[in-house]
């Protein structure tokens, strides 16, 4: 049964259980992942267990929801982390907003609930000096008596493009446009239509093109740009940390944040950085605030890092 047919049989006199099932159908129709469906459904199941079994949708008030959230934090007896609480508030807001939009409820009891946004700790990044030190070390590996161009090619690519680990692993030779008259770039692609909004073109430097061609010739790269396991690529970055005698352990996530931070410090417009990272405008709010805080940590004023 479709979500539209199910919602037609729900009214303000309906109890939570059938409404939750209809909402799950709606989320599935919208292409939401099974993980999201399970998490949201579990959050609403908690509300169902808290309220009287015969509680009708139209009689659920903001006070009921506030008391439910208090119960989750103080009286349920099971720890509820700030991140989990934030998601459960999101579940409530999404569910009751959906009921209101489809005309089941005339007023939204979750509308006035305050969303508790959780900001994770600031990521670890490399300073400008550390970037240069790491690149020098990787270049030393590339030009040693037993040369290996992989660490330098990988390190410079992520520093320039801010690719995620999975995007690096999925990068194909036909995604590279190294002879484009307007400048070389890579095209980040996704197989799933759901993630097409993350697809983007990102410029790369002539220095990276030169390094890549040397690397591709040495390892006879034909299809996958980095035909190595995830663990092997992580080891290549760790090798750079060791050769450079760095206390920080270089990782994909560290390089991705460092790339975005360097752009911010250089004065790149925020929307360009957002598009380079492949994040939504909503995600960008938290990312941008973290980048500004990281810039302050490195001694850059907000004006310099704007």
Protein backbone atom coordinates (compact mmCIF):
# COMPACT_ATOMS: atom_id res chain seq x y z
CA UNK A 1 0.00 0.00 0.00
CA UNK A 2 1.31 3.45 -0.88
CA UNK A 3 1.87 6.18 1.69
CA UNK A 4 -0.87 8.29 0.04
CA UNK A 5 -3.47 5.54 0.48
CA UNK A 6 -2.41 4.88 4.05
CA UNK A 7 -2.48 8.52 5.13
CA UNK A 8 -6.00 8.82 3.76
CA UNK A 9 -7.18 6.45 6.50
CA UNK A 10 -5.58 8.46 9.31
CA UNK A 11 -7.31 11.24 11.22
CA UNK A 12 -6.78 13.18 14.42
CA UNK A 13 -8.67 10.39 16.18
CA UNK A 14 -6.15 7.75 15.10
CA UNK A 15 -3.62 6.41 17.60
CA UNK A 16 0.14 6.54 17.06
CA UNK A 17 0.80 3.00 15.77
CA UNK A 18 -0.96 3.23 12.36
CA UNK A 19 0.34 6.78 11.89
CA UNK A 20 3.92 5.62 12.48
CA UNK A 21 3.50 2.83 9.93
CA UNK A 22 2.15 5.30 7.37
CA UNK A 23 5.07 7.63 8.04
CA UNK A 24 7.54 4.79 7.47
CA UNK A 25 5.90 4.13 4.10
CA UNK A 26 6.16 7.81 3.25
CA UNK A 27 9.86 7.92 4.17
CA UNK A 28 10.50 4.80 2.09
CA UNK A 29 8.72 6.39 -0.88
CA UNK A 30 11.02 9.41 -0.46
CA UNK A 31 14.05 7.15 -0.84
CA UNK A 32 15.22 7.34 2.76
CA UNK A 33 17.71 4.64 3.81
CA UNK A 34 16.77 1.62 5.92
CA UNK A 35 19.04 2.98 8.64
CA UNK A 36 17.05 6.23 8.75
CA UNK A 37 13.74 4.35 8.74
CA UNK A 38 14.80 2.19 11.68
CA UNK A 39 16.17 5.11 13.70
CA UNK A 40 13.14 7.35 13.19
CA UNK A 41 10.68 4.51 13.78
CA UNK A 42 12.48 3.55 17.01
CA UNK A 43 12.27 7.15 18.22
CA UNK A 44 8.52 7.25 17.60
CA UNK A 45 8.10 3.82 19.19
CA UNK A 46 9.54 5.30 22.39
CA UNK A 47 6.94 8.06 22.27
CA UNK A 48 4.24 5.43 21.74
CA UNK A 49 5.47 3.47 24.78
CA UNK A 50 5.50 6.66 26.89
CA UNK A 51 1.99 7.91 26.04
CA UNK A 52 -1.24 6.09 26.98
CA UNK A 53 -2.00 3.29 24.51
CA UNK A 54 -5.28 4.94 23.47
CA UNK A 55 -3.81 8.44 23.05
CA UNK A 56 -5.21 10.01 19.87
CA UNK A 57 -3.00 12.07 17.55
CA UNK A 58 -5.16 15.15 17.93
CA UNK A 59 -4.82 15.09 21.70
CA UNK A 60 -1.01 15.03 21.80
CA UNK A 61 0.17 18.41 23.05
CA UNK A 62 3.46 20.27 23.16
CA UNK A 63 3.46 19.69 26.92
CA UNK A 64 3.23 15.93 26.31
CA UNK A 65 6.23 16.05 24.00
CA UNK A 66 8.28 18.21 26.37
CA UNK A 67 7.57 15.81 29.23
CA UNK A 68 8.50 12.88 26.99
CA UNK A 69 11.87 14.49 26.24
CA UNK A 70 12.43 15.14 29.94
CA UNK A 71 11.65 11.48 30.62
CA UNK A 72 14.20 10.37 28.02
CA UNK A 73 16.93 12.44 29.67
CA UNK A 74 16.17 12.00 33.36
CA UNK A 75 13.71 9.25 34.20
CA UNK A 76 13.98 6.48 31.60
CA UNK A 77 17.07 5.01 33.25
CA UNK A 78 18.95 4.58 29.97
CA UNK A 79 21.59 7.18 28.94
CA UNK A 80 20.49 9.54 26.17
CA UNK A 81 23.48 11.33 24.64
CA UNK A 82 23.12 14.89 23.30
CA UNK A 83 23.49 13.55 19.76
CA UNK A 84 20.76 10.95 20.26
CA UNK A 85 18.47 13.51 21.89
CA UNK A 86 18.99 15.84 18.94
CA UNK A 87 18.01 13.08 16.50
CA UNK A 88 14.92 12.18 18.53
CA UNK A 89 13.77 15.79 18.50
CA UNK A 90 14.31 15.78 14.73
CA UNK A 91 12.17 12.63 14.49
CA UNK A 92 9.34 14.25 16.45
CA UNK A 93 9.45 17.42 14.40
CA UNK A 94 9.53 15.53 11.09
CA UNK A 95 6.66 13.22 12.07
CA UNK A 96 4.28 15.91 13.31
CA UNK A 97 5.20 18.28 10.49
CA UNK A 98 4.25 15.52 8.06
CA UNK A 99 0.91 14.97 9.81
CA UNK A 100 0.20 18.71 9.66
CA UNK A 101 1.20 19.06 6.02
CA UNK A 102 -1.13 16.21 5.02
CA UNK A 103 -4.03 17.76 6.96
CA UNK A 104 -4.31 15.09 9.64
CA UNK A 105 -3.60 17.70 12.33
CA UNK A 106 -4.62 21.36 12.23
CA UNK A 107 -1.80 22.41 14.57
CA UNK A 108 1.70 21.01 15.01
CA UNK A 109 2.46 20.17 18.68
CA UNK A 110 6.18 19.72 17.90
CA UNK A 111 6.61 23.11 16.25
CA UNK A 112 7.60 24.93 19.46
CA UNK A 113 10.00 22.25 20.67
CA UNK A 114 13.51 23.71 20.73
CA UNK A 115 15.94 21.74 18.56
CA UNK A 116 19.13 20.95 20.43
CA UNK A 117 21.85 21.11 17.81
CA UNK A 118 24.93 19.10 18.74
CA UNK A 119 28.31 20.23 17.47
CA UNK A 120 31.01 17.59 17.47
CA UNK A 121 34.56 18.50 18.54
CA UNK A 122 36.74 20.43 16.12
CA UNK A 123 38.64 18.18 13.72
CA UNK A 124 42.43 17.98 13.74
CA UNK A 125 44.05 19.76 10.81
CA UNK A 126 47.52 20.53 9.52
CA UNK A 127 49.01 24.01 9.72
CA UNK A 128 50.53 25.57 6.62
CA UNK A 129 54.01 24.65 7.90
CA UNK A 130 52.91 21.07 8.53
CA UNK A 131 51.44 20.82 5.03
CA UNK A 132 54.77 21.88 3.52
CA UNK A 133 56.64 19.46 5.79
CA UNK A 134 54.37 16.59 4.77
CA UNK A 135 54.66 17.39 1.07
CA UNK A 136 58.45 17.58 1.34
CA UNK A 137 58.50 14.19 3.05
CA UNK A 138 56.20 12.65 0.42
CA UNK A 139 58.31 14.14 -2.36
CA UNK A 140 61.37 12.61 -0.71
CA UNK A 141 59.69 9.19 -0.88
CA UNK A 142 58.91 9.85 -4.54
CA UNK A 143 62.52 10.69 -5.44
CA UNK A 144 64.38 8.28 -3.15
CA UNK A 145 66.67 5.46 -4.28
CA UNK A 146 63.61 3.19 -4.16
CA UNK A 147 61.04 5.72 -5.40
CA UNK A 148 57.33 5.42 -4.63
CA UNK A 149 55.19 8.21 -6.13
CA UNK A 150 51.98 7.02 -4.47
CA UNK A 151 52.19 8.94 -1.16
CA UNK A 152 52.89 12.28 -2.86
CA UNK A 153 50.21 11.79 -5.53
CA UNK A 154 47.62 10.83 -2.93
CA UNK A 155 48.58 13.50 -0.38
CA UNK A 156 48.61 16.36 -2.88
CA UNK A 157 45.32 15.24 -4.45
CA UNK A 158 43.37 15.30 -1.18
CA UNK A 159 45.01 18.55 -0.05
CA UNK A 160 43.90 20.18 -3.30
CA UNK A 161 40.46 18.61 -3.73
CA UNK A 162 39.25 17.69 -0.20
CA UNK A 163 37.97 14.35 -1.48
CA UNK A 164 36.53 11.86 1.00
CA UNK A 165 38.22 8.50 1.39
CA UNK A 166 35.39 6.75 -0.47
CA UNK A 167 35.56 9.27 -3.29
CA UNK A 168 39.30 8.66 -3.68
CA UNK A 169 38.71 4.90 -3.80
CA UNK A 170 35.98 5.36 -6.44
CA UNK A 171 37.99 7.73 -8.63
CA UNK A 172 38.41 6.39 -12.18
CA UNK A 173 40.82 7.39 -14.92
CA UNK A 174 37.91 8.56 -17.09
CA UNK A 175 36.97 10.99 -14.31
CA UNK A 176 40.17 12.94 -14.96
CA UNK A 177 40.27 15.82 -17.45
CA UNK A 178 43.95 16.71 -17.42
CA UNK A 179 44.20 18.38 -20.82
CA UNK A 180 41.20 20.68 -20.65
CA UNK A 181 42.01 24.08 -22.24
CA UNK A 182 40.56 25.88 -19.21
CA UNK A 183 42.69 23.89 -16.78
CA UNK A 184 42.88 20.33 -15.45
CA UNK A 185 40.16 19.02 -13.16
CA UNK A 186 38.63 15.84 -11.79
CA UNK A 187 34.98 14.89 -11.89
CA UNK A 188 33.62 13.31 -8.69
CA UNK A 189 30.86 10.89 -9.67
CA UNK A 190 28.41 8.70 -7.76
CA UNK A 191 26.71 5.54 -9.02
CA UNK A 192 23.60 5.96 -6.87
CA UNK A 193 21.12 8.55 -8.20
CA UNK A 194 20.41 9.50 -4.59
CA UNK A 195 23.88 11.07 -4.31
CA UNK A 196 23.98 12.83 -7.65
CA UNK A 197 23.85 16.17 -5.85
CA UNK A 198 27.33 15.40 -4.52
CA UNK A 199 28.81 15.14 -8.01
CA UNK A 200 31.14 18.00 -8.82
CA UNK A 201 34.13 19.22 -10.82
CA UNK A 202 37.24 20.20 -8.86
CA UNK A 203 40.32 21.86 -10.30
CA UNK A 204 43.75 20.31 -9.77
CA UNK A 205 47.15 21.93 -10.18
CA UNK A 206 49.72 21.31 -12.93
CA UNK A 207 51.96 19.99 -10.12
CA UNK A 208 49.45 17.26 -9.35
CA UNK A 209 49.01 16.42 -13.04
CA UNK A 210 52.77 15.96 -13.37
CA UNK A 211 52.92 13.78 -10.25
CA UNK A 212 49.93 11.72 -11.40
CA UNK A 213 51.39 11.02 -14.82
CA UNK A 214 54.64 9.82 -13.27
CA UNK A 215 52.66 7.65 -10.85
CA UNK A 216 50.30 6.31 -13.55
CA UNK A 217 53.21 5.34 -15.80
CA UNK A 218 55.09 3.57 -13.00
CA UNK A 219 52.06 1.55 -11.86
CA UNK A 220 50.36 1.16 -15.26
CA UNK A 221 47.14 2.80 -14.08
CA UNK A 222 44.32 2.02 -16.54
CA UNK A 223 40.93 2.12 -14.80
CA UNK A 224 40.87 2.85 -11.05
CA UNK A 225 43.14 5.76 -10.18
CA UNK A 226 44.17 4.21 -6.85
CA UNK A 227 43.79 0.42 -7.27
CA UNK A 228 44.81 -0.30 -3.70
CA UNK A 229 42.84 -1.26 -0.61
CA UNK A 230 41.53 1.36 1.79
CA UNK A 231 43.99 0.14 4.41
CA UNK A 232 46.92 0.41 1.99
CA UNK A 233 46.09 4.04 1.19
CA UNK A 234 45.85 4.81 4.90
CA UNK A 235 49.30 3.26 5.37
CA UNK A 236 50.71 5.45 2.59
CA UNK A 237 49.58 8.56 4.46
CA UNK A 238 50.92 7.16 7.72
CA UNK A 239 54.28 6.61 5.98
CA UNK A 240 54.38 10.34 5.25
CA UNK A 241 53.72 11.12 8.93
CA UNK A 242 56.63 8.91 9.95
CA UNK A 243 59.09 10.23 7.37
CA UNK A 244 58.17 13.81 8.29
CA UNK A 245 58.56 12.94 12.01
CA UNK A 246 55.15 14.41 12.73
CA UNK A 247 53.24 13.83 15.96
CA UNK A 248 49.96 14.07 14.04
CA UNK A 249 48.86 10.99 12.15
CA UNK A 250 47.82 12.16 8.69
CA UNK A 251 44.42 10.81 7.64
CA UNK A 252 41.94 11.41 4.83
CA UNK A 253 39.61 13.32 7.14
CA UNK A 254 42.47 15.52 8.39
CA UNK A 255 43.51 16.38 4.83
CA UNK A 256 39.91 17.08 3.77
CA UNK A 257 39.42 19.57 6.62
CA UNK A 258 42.87 21.06 6.03
CA UNK A 259 42.05 21.62 2.36
CA UNK A 260 38.82 23.46 3.19
CA UNK A 261 40.53 25.46 5.94
CA UNK A 262 43.33 26.55 3.60
CA UNK A 263 40.71 27.74 1.11
CA UNK A 264 38.91 29.73 3.79
CA UNK A 265 42.16 31.36 4.94
CA UNK A 266 43.00 32.21 1.32
CA UNK A 267 39.70 34.04 0.98
CA UNK A 268 37.81 31.57 -1.20
CA UNK A 269 34.06 32.33 -1.08
CA UNK A 270 32.17 30.06 1.27
CA UNK A 271 29.81 28.67 -1.37
CA UNK A 272 32.76 27.61 -3.51
CA UNK A 273 34.22 25.71 -0.56
CA UNK A 274 30.82 24.14 0.13
CA UNK A 275 30.53 22.96 -3.46
CA UNK A 276 34.07 21.62 -3.40
CA UNK A 277 33.26 19.59 -0.28
CA UNK A 278 30.00 18.36 -1.79
CA UNK A 279 27.90 19.22 1.27
CA UNK A 280 24.39 20.65 1.42
CA UNK A 281 23.62 24.20 2.50
CA UNK A 282 22.25 22.88 5.79
CA UNK A 283 25.41 20.82 6.47
CA UNK A 284 27.55 23.81 5.50
CA UNK A 285 26.33 25.86 8.47
CA UNK A 286 28.08 23.59 10.95
CA UNK A 287 31.08 22.99 8.67
CA UNK A 288 31.57 26.72 8.16
CA UNK A 289 31.43 27.45 11.88
CA UNK A 290 34.03 24.76 12.54
CA UNK A 291 36.29 26.17 9.83
CA UNK A 292 36.04 29.65 11.33
CA UNK A 293 36.96 28.26 14.75
CA UNK A 294 39.89 26.34 13.25
CA UNK A 295 41.09 29.54 11.56
CA UNK A 296 40.99 31.34 14.91
CA UNK A 297 42.97 28.51 16.50
CA UNK A 298 45.71 29.00 13.91
CA UNK A 299 45.84 32.72 14.61
CA UNK A 300 43.85 34.05 11.67
CA UNK A 301 41.31 36.78 12.31
CA UNK A 302 37.76 36.42 11.05
CA UNK A 303 38.41 39.16 8.51
CA UNK A 304 41.41 37.30 7.11
CA UNK A 305 39.53 34.03 7.05
CA UNK A 306 36.25 35.36 5.65
